[in-house]
Amino acid sequence: MSVVCFGEMLWDVLPTGRQAGGAPLNVAMHLHHFGLTAQLISRVGHDDLGTELLDFAEAKGLSTCYVQRGETHLTGVVKANVGDSNEVVYKIVQPVAWDYIQYEAPLGPLVETADAFVFGSLAARSSTTRETLYRLLQWAPFKVFDVNLRAPHYSRSVVTYLLRQANLVKLNHHELAEIMGWFGASPDEETALHWLADRFQLQAVCVTKGADGAVLWAGQQLYRSPGIAVAVQDTIGSGDAFLAALLKGWLAGQAPADMLAFACAAGSLVATYQGATPAISAAQVLALAASST
């Protein structure tokens, strides 16, 4: 199975130092850890930080052949402040290289032949990258929208457009409440996920709730999975591991309840490490899931 992830590739600058990040990079890395073929479409600068990011990804076994290098804008940087182990506040620098991802001829066929195309709302903040994303969405057979509402880097109109394009949507409970508020609809998950699926003709909607687990609407049914109590190091990348695990299960045709439990375990396992992309395996995730039942 192959997945293409599109969007930001950057450095998270933490009090403890720099960590490679960006949701598309993190999701691609975890997909690779789970044995799927993952490609990343992004852009970095022709600078030391860009070279180090590419070296990091390649050292982890992730292909960077579709990561562009720009001369005029620097590699992306995000300043992350970790107030406590469960809440991270981000200051996202703009403009940077990933705001200028160009459409190139090989990208359309790459996306067309993939089993899934993963994209988020953050990369759509700039017109150049947004236009490239919109073109690639026309090629994608299965579109996965990873909602990432980081003020002020999104607009209601763009997020609504991306919802209309998607087949599967993943968001957190804060984002669910905000989006439902746009439409004057109830944020109660019992009805909200069904409402979103009907409104935007989605095959599935998944909402993560941190330590409280997640809920998934799929096949006209709501599934729940509780959180798994773990010793948290930091939660950076937990949502990205969750999405990669959920997508692994979805593409394999796994039962919704099973894929949701596996995804919750993956997110919890990553939270026990420092950094967004520890090399966790499917076997480790399954072991954690089994120990929690």
Protein backbone atom coordinates (compact mmCIF):
# COMPACT_ATOMS: atom_id res chain seq x y z
CA MET A 1 0.00 0.00 0.00
CA SER A 2 1.29 3.46 -0.85
CA VAL A 3 0.39 6.85 0.60
CA VAL A 4 1.41 10.34 -0.47
CA CYS A 5 1.58 13.04 2.23
CA PHE A 6 1.51 16.69 1.19
CA GLY A 7 2.50 19.84 3.04
CA GLU A 8 4.80 21.25 5.68
CA MET A 9 8.21 19.85 6.58
CA LEU A 10 9.96 21.88 9.26
CA TRP A 11 11.91 22.13 12.47
CA ASP A 12 10.09 22.36 15.80
CA VAL A 13 12.26 24.54 18.02
CA LEU A 14 11.74 23.42 21.63
CA PRO A 15 13.44 24.58 24.82
CA THR A 16 15.37 21.30 24.67
CA GLY A 17 16.52 21.82 21.07
CA ARG A 18 15.36 21.26 17.48
CA GLN A 19 13.19 18.35 16.34
CA ALA A 20 12.16 17.49 12.80
CA GLY A 21 8.42 17.88 12.38
CA GLY A 22 5.40 18.99 10.43
CA ALA A 23 2.32 16.77 10.37
CA PRO A 24 2.83 15.47 6.79
CA LEU A 25 6.44 14.47 7.57
CA ASN A 26 5.39 12.83 10.84
CA VAL A 27 2.51 10.90 9.24
CA ALA A 28 4.75 9.74 6.39
CA MET A 29 7.41 8.61 8.87
CA HIS A 30 4.95 6.59 10.93
CA LEU A 31 3.41 5.04 7.81
CA HIS A 32 6.93 3.97 6.88
CA HIS A 33 7.44 2.50 10.37
CA PHE A 34 4.21 0.52 9.90
CA GLY A 35 5.45 -0.97 6.64
CA LEU A 36 3.60 1.15 4.08
CA THR A 37 5.26 2.94 1.18
CA ALA A 38 5.13 6.66 1.95
CA GLN A 39 6.12 9.61 -0.21
CA LEU A 40 6.30 13.22 0.96
CA ILE A 41 5.62 16.25 -1.23
CA SER A 42 7.09 19.32 0.47
CA ARG A 43 9.68 22.07 0.08
CA VAL A 44 12.71 23.18 2.07
CA GLY A 45 15.21 25.97 1.58
CA HIS A 46 18.70 25.73 0.14
CA ASP A 47 20.12 26.21 3.61
CA ASP A 48 21.70 24.15 6.36
CA LEU A 49 18.35 23.52 8.06
CA GLY A 50 16.95 22.17 4.79
CA THR A 51 19.90 19.87 4.27
CA GLU A 52 19.62 18.60 7.84
CA LEU A 53 15.89 17.91 7.41
CA LEU A 54 16.48 15.90 4.23
CA ASP A 55 19.32 14.01 5.92
CA PHE A 56 17.07 13.24 8.90
CA ALA A 57 14.28 11.84 6.71
CA GLU A 58 16.62 9.79 4.55
CA ALA A 59 18.42 8.38 7.59
CA LYS A 60 15.03 7.12 8.80
CA GLY A 61 14.41 5.43 5.44
CA LEU A 62 11.89 7.94 4.09
CA SER A 63 12.24 8.97 0.44
CA THR A 64 12.75 12.70 -0.18
CA CYS A 65 12.72 12.60 -3.98
CA TYR A 66 9.56 14.76 -4.10
CA VAL A 67 10.80 17.33 -1.59
CA GLN A 68 11.61 20.50 -3.50
CA ARG A 69 14.41 22.93 -2.64
CA GLY A 70 13.83 26.67 -2.94
CA GLU A 71 16.37 29.46 -3.33
CA THR A 72 14.31 32.39 -2.08
CA HIS A 73 12.71 31.19 1.16
CA LEU A 74 14.18 29.57 4.25
CA THR A 75 13.32 26.13 5.62
CA GLY A 76 10.26 26.18 7.87
CA VAL A 77 10.65 26.71 11.61
CA VAL A 78 8.04 26.48 14.37
CA LYS A 79 8.69 27.69 17.89
CA ALA A 80 6.98 25.26 20.24
CA ASN A 81 6.34 26.06 23.88
CA VAL A 82 5.42 23.06 26.00
CA GLY A 83 3.43 24.44 28.94
CA ASP A 84 2.88 20.99 30.39
CA SER A 85 3.14 17.47 29.04
CA ASN A 86 -0.23 17.58 27.30
CA GLU A 87 -0.50 21.06 25.76
CA VAL A 88 1.84 22.52 23.15
CA VAL A 89 1.59 26.11 21.85
CA TYR A 90 3.09 26.80 18.42
CA LYS A 91 4.37 30.00 16.82
CA ILE A 92 4.60 29.21 13.11
CA VAL A 93 7.01 31.36 11.06
CA GLN A 94 5.72 32.74 7.73
CA PRO A 95 6.62 32.83 4.88
CA VAL A 96 8.92 29.83 4.53
CA ALA A 97 9.84 27.32 1.84
CA TRP A 98 6.79 25.04 2.28
CA ASP A 99 4.52 28.00 1.49
CA TYR A 100 5.83 27.75 -2.08
CA ILE A 101 5.39 24.09 -3.08
CA GLN A 102 5.25 24.09 -6.89
CA TYR A 103 3.11 21.87 -9.09
CA GLU A 104 5.42 19.67 -11.18
CA ALA A 105 4.45 17.18 -13.87
CA PRO A 106 5.43 13.97 -11.99
CA LEU A 107 3.27 14.83 -8.97
CA GLY A 108 -0.14 14.20 -10.56
CA PRO A 109 0.59 10.58 -11.58
CA LEU A 110 2.29 9.98 -8.21
CA VAL A 111 -0.89 10.99 -6.38
CA GLU A 112 -3.16 9.18 -8.86
CA THR A 113 -1.47 5.82 -8.32
CA ALA A 114 -1.31 6.09 -4.50
CA ASP A 115 -3.85 4.33 -2.29
CA ALA A 116 -4.34 7.52 -0.26
CA PHE A 117 -3.43 11.20 -0.39
CA VAL A 118 -3.00 12.92 3.00
CA PHE A 119 -3.18 16.71 3.30
CA GLY A 120 -3.84 19.31 5.99
CA SER A 121 -5.20 22.82 6.36
CA LEU A 122 -1.94 24.42 7.53
CA ALA A 123 -0.16 24.05 4.17
CA ALA A 124 -3.15 25.71 2.48
CA ARG A 125 -2.41 29.03 4.23
CA SER A 126 -0.45 30.37 1.21
CA SER A 127 -1.75 30.78 -2.33
CA THR A 128 1.10 28.94 -4.10
CA THR A 129 0.97 25.76 -2.01
CA ARG A 130 -2.84 25.93 -1.85
CA GLU A 131 -3.11 26.03 -5.65
CA THR A 132 -0.75 23.06 -5.92
CA LEU A 133 -2.82 21.16 -3.37
CA TYR A 134 -6.07 21.92 -5.21
CA ARG A 135 -4.57 20.59 -8.46
CA LEU A 136 -3.35 17.40 -6.80
CA LEU A 137 -6.73 16.77 -5.19
CA GLN A 138 -8.14 16.31 -8.69
CA TRP A 139 -5.80 13.34 -9.17
CA ALA A 140 -6.30 11.62 -5.82
CA PRO A 141 -8.54 8.52 -5.65
CA PHE A 142 -8.84 8.58 -1.82
CA LYS A 143 -8.36 11.87 0.04
CA VAL A 144 -7.54 12.11 3.75
CA PHE A 145 -7.98 15.56 5.33
CA ASP A 146 -5.94 16.05 8.51
CA VAL A 147 -7.55 19.18 9.95
CA ASN A 148 -4.97 21.38 11.68
CA LEU A 149 -6.50 24.70 12.78
CA ARG A 150 -3.60 26.90 13.89
CA ALA A 151 -4.70 30.52 14.22
CA PRO A 152 -4.26 32.69 12.22
CA HIS A 153 -3.17 30.24 9.52
CA TYR A 154 -6.56 29.13 8.19
CA SER A 155 -9.85 30.43 6.89
CA ARG A 156 -13.35 29.02 7.10
CA SER A 157 -13.73 29.09 3.30
CA VAL A 158 -10.57 27.05 2.64
CA VAL A 159 -11.32 24.51 5.38
CA THR A 160 -14.87 24.10 4.06
CA TYR A 161 -13.54 23.54 0.53
CA LEU A 162 -11.12 20.89 1.79
CA LEU A 163 -13.94 19.16 3.71
CA ARG A 164 -15.88 18.94 0.44
CA GLN A 165 -12.89 17.31 -1.28
CA ALA A 166 -12.19 14.72 1.41
CA ASN A 167 -13.19 11.07 1.79
CA LEU A 168 -11.88 10.65 5.35
CA VAL A 169 -11.46 13.48 7.87
CA LYS A 170 -9.47 13.44 11.11
CA LEU A 171 -9.69 16.31 13.62
CA ASN A 172 -9.50 16.90 17.36
CA HIS A 173 -12.39 17.74 19.69
CA HIS A 174 -11.52 21.45 19.79
CA GLU A 175 -11.55 21.62 15.99
CA LEU A 176 -14.84 19.72 15.86
CA ALA A 177 -16.46 22.29 18.16
CA GLU A 178 -15.17 25.21 16.10
CA ILE A 179 -16.23 23.80 12.74
CA MET A 180 -19.68 22.81 13.97
CA GLY A 181 -20.05 26.35 15.30
CA TRP A 182 -19.48 27.71 11.80
CA PHE A 183 -22.59 25.91 10.64
CA GLY A 184 -24.70 26.51 13.73
CA ALA A 185 -24.79 22.77 14.42
CA SER A 186 -24.36 20.86 17.67
CA PRO A 187 -20.77 19.90 18.60
CA ASP A 188 -22.04 16.85 20.49
CA GLU A 189 -20.12 13.93 19.02
CA GLU A 190 -23.18 11.67 19.04
CA THR A 191 -24.68 13.77 16.27
CA ALA A 192 -21.81 15.93 14.95
CA LEU A 193 -19.84 13.19 13.22
CA HIS A 194 -22.94 11.87 11.46
CA TRP A 195 -23.85 15.46 10.49
CA LEU A 196 -20.40 16.14 9.02
CA ALA A 197 -20.38 12.86 7.10
CA ASP A 198 -23.76 13.63 5.56
CA ARG A 199 -23.05 17.29 4.87
CA PHE A 200 -19.73 16.62 3.10
CA GLN A 201 -20.39 13.09 1.78
CA LEU A 202 -17.55 11.61 3.81
CA GLN A 203 -16.81 7.91 4.16
CA ALA A 204 -15.44 8.41 7.67
CA VAL A 205 -14.90 11.10 10.31
CA CYS A 206 -12.56 10.57 13.26
CA VAL A 207 -12.20 12.85 16.29
CA THR A 208 -9.29 12.52 18.70
CA LYS A 209 -9.80 13.49 22.36
CA GLY A 210 -6.32 13.29 23.86
CA ALA A 211 -6.21 11.14 26.97
CA ASP A 212 -9.91 10.31 26.49
CA GLY A 213 -9.30 8.31 23.30
CA ALA A 214 -11.18 8.85 20.04
CA VAL A 215 -14.45 8.34 18.20
CA LEU A 216 -14.94 7.22 14.61
CA TRP A 217 -17.96 7.49 12.35
CA ALA A 218 -17.79 4.89 9.58
CA GLY A 219 -20.37 2.73 7.82
CA GLN A 220 -23.24 4.73 9.34
CA GLN A 221 -22.10 3.76 12.84
CA LEU A 222 -20.25 5.46 15.71
CA TYR A 223 -17.31 3.66 17.31
CA ARG A 224 -15.50 4.64 20.50
CA SER A 225 -12.12 3.75 21.90
CA PRO A 226 -10.99 4.88 25.37
CA GLY A 227 -7.65 6.44 26.04
CA ILE A 228 -4.76 4.31 27.28
CA ALA A 229 -3.06 5.53 30.46
CA VAL A 230 0.67 5.94 29.81
CA ALA A 231 3.60 7.86 31.31
CA VAL A 232 3.64 10.88 28.97
CA GLN A 233 6.96 12.36 27.84
CA ASP A 234 5.35 14.75 25.34
CA THR A 235 2.37 14.60 23.00
CA ILE A 236 4.11 16.06 19.94
CA GLY A 237 3.40 13.72 17.02
CA SER A 238 0.81 11.59 18.86
CA GLY A 239 -2.00 12.72 16.57
CA ASP A 240 0.16 12.05 13.51
CA ALA A 241 0.95 8.51 14.68
CA PHE A 242 -2.77 8.04 15.34
CA LEU A 243 -3.64 9.04 11.78
CA ALA A 244 -0.94 6.82 10.26
CA ALA A 245 -2.20 3.85 12.30
CA LEU A 246 -5.83 4.55 11.41
CA LEU A 247 -4.94 4.78 7.74
CA LYS A 248 -2.99 1.53 7.89
CA GLY A 249 -6.08 -0.21 9.23
CA TRP A 250 -8.42 1.49 6.77
CA LEU A 251 -6.38 0.54 3.71
CA ALA A 252 -6.08 -3.04 4.97
CA GLY A 253 -9.87 -3.29 5.28
CA GLN A 254 -9.74 -3.72 9.05
CA ALA A 255 -12.94 -3.53 11.11
CA PRO A 256 -13.59 0.07 12.30
CA ALA A 257 -13.46 -0.80 16.02
CA ASP A 258 -10.13 -2.60 15.58
CA MET A 259 -8.50 0.14 13.51
CA LEU A 260 -9.63 2.76 16.02
CA ALA A 261 -8.20 0.81 18.98
CA PHE A 262 -4.92 0.34 17.12
CA ALA A 263 -4.76 4.06 16.29
CA CYS A 264 -5.41 5.07 19.91
CA ALA A 265 -2.64 2.73 21.06
CA ALA A 266 -0.24 4.19 18.49
CA GLY A 267 -0.91 7.74 19.65
CA SER A 268 -0.46 6.73 23.28
CA LEU A 269 2.77 4.88 22.56
CA VAL A 270 4.35 7.88 20.82
CA ALA A 271 3.46 10.05 23.83
CA THR A 272 5.76 7.88 25.96
CA TYR A 273 8.74 9.10 23.90
CA GLN A 274 10.28 12.52 23.41
CA GLY A 275 9.87 13.71 19.84
CA ALA A 276 7.30 13.18 17.12
CA THR A 277 8.67 10.21 15.17
CA PRO A 278 10.13 7.49 17.41
CA ALA A 279 10.59 4.25 15.48
CA ILE A 280 7.60 2.38 16.87
CA SER A 281 6.45 -0.85 15.22
CA ALA A 282 2.98 -2.29 14.67
CA ALA A 283 3.93 -5.11 17.05
CA GLN A 284 4.68 -2.63 19.85
CA VAL A 285 1.36 -0.88 19.25
CA LEU A 286 -0.55 -4.17 19.33
CA ALA A 287 1.21 -5.12 22.56
CA LEU A 288 0.18 -1.85 24.21
CA ALA A 289 -3.39 -2.23 22.98
CA ALA A 290 -3.54 -5.78 24.32
CA SER A 291 -2.16 -4.75 27.72
CA SER A 292 -4.88 -2.13 28.13
CA THR A 293 -7.85 -4.46 27.60
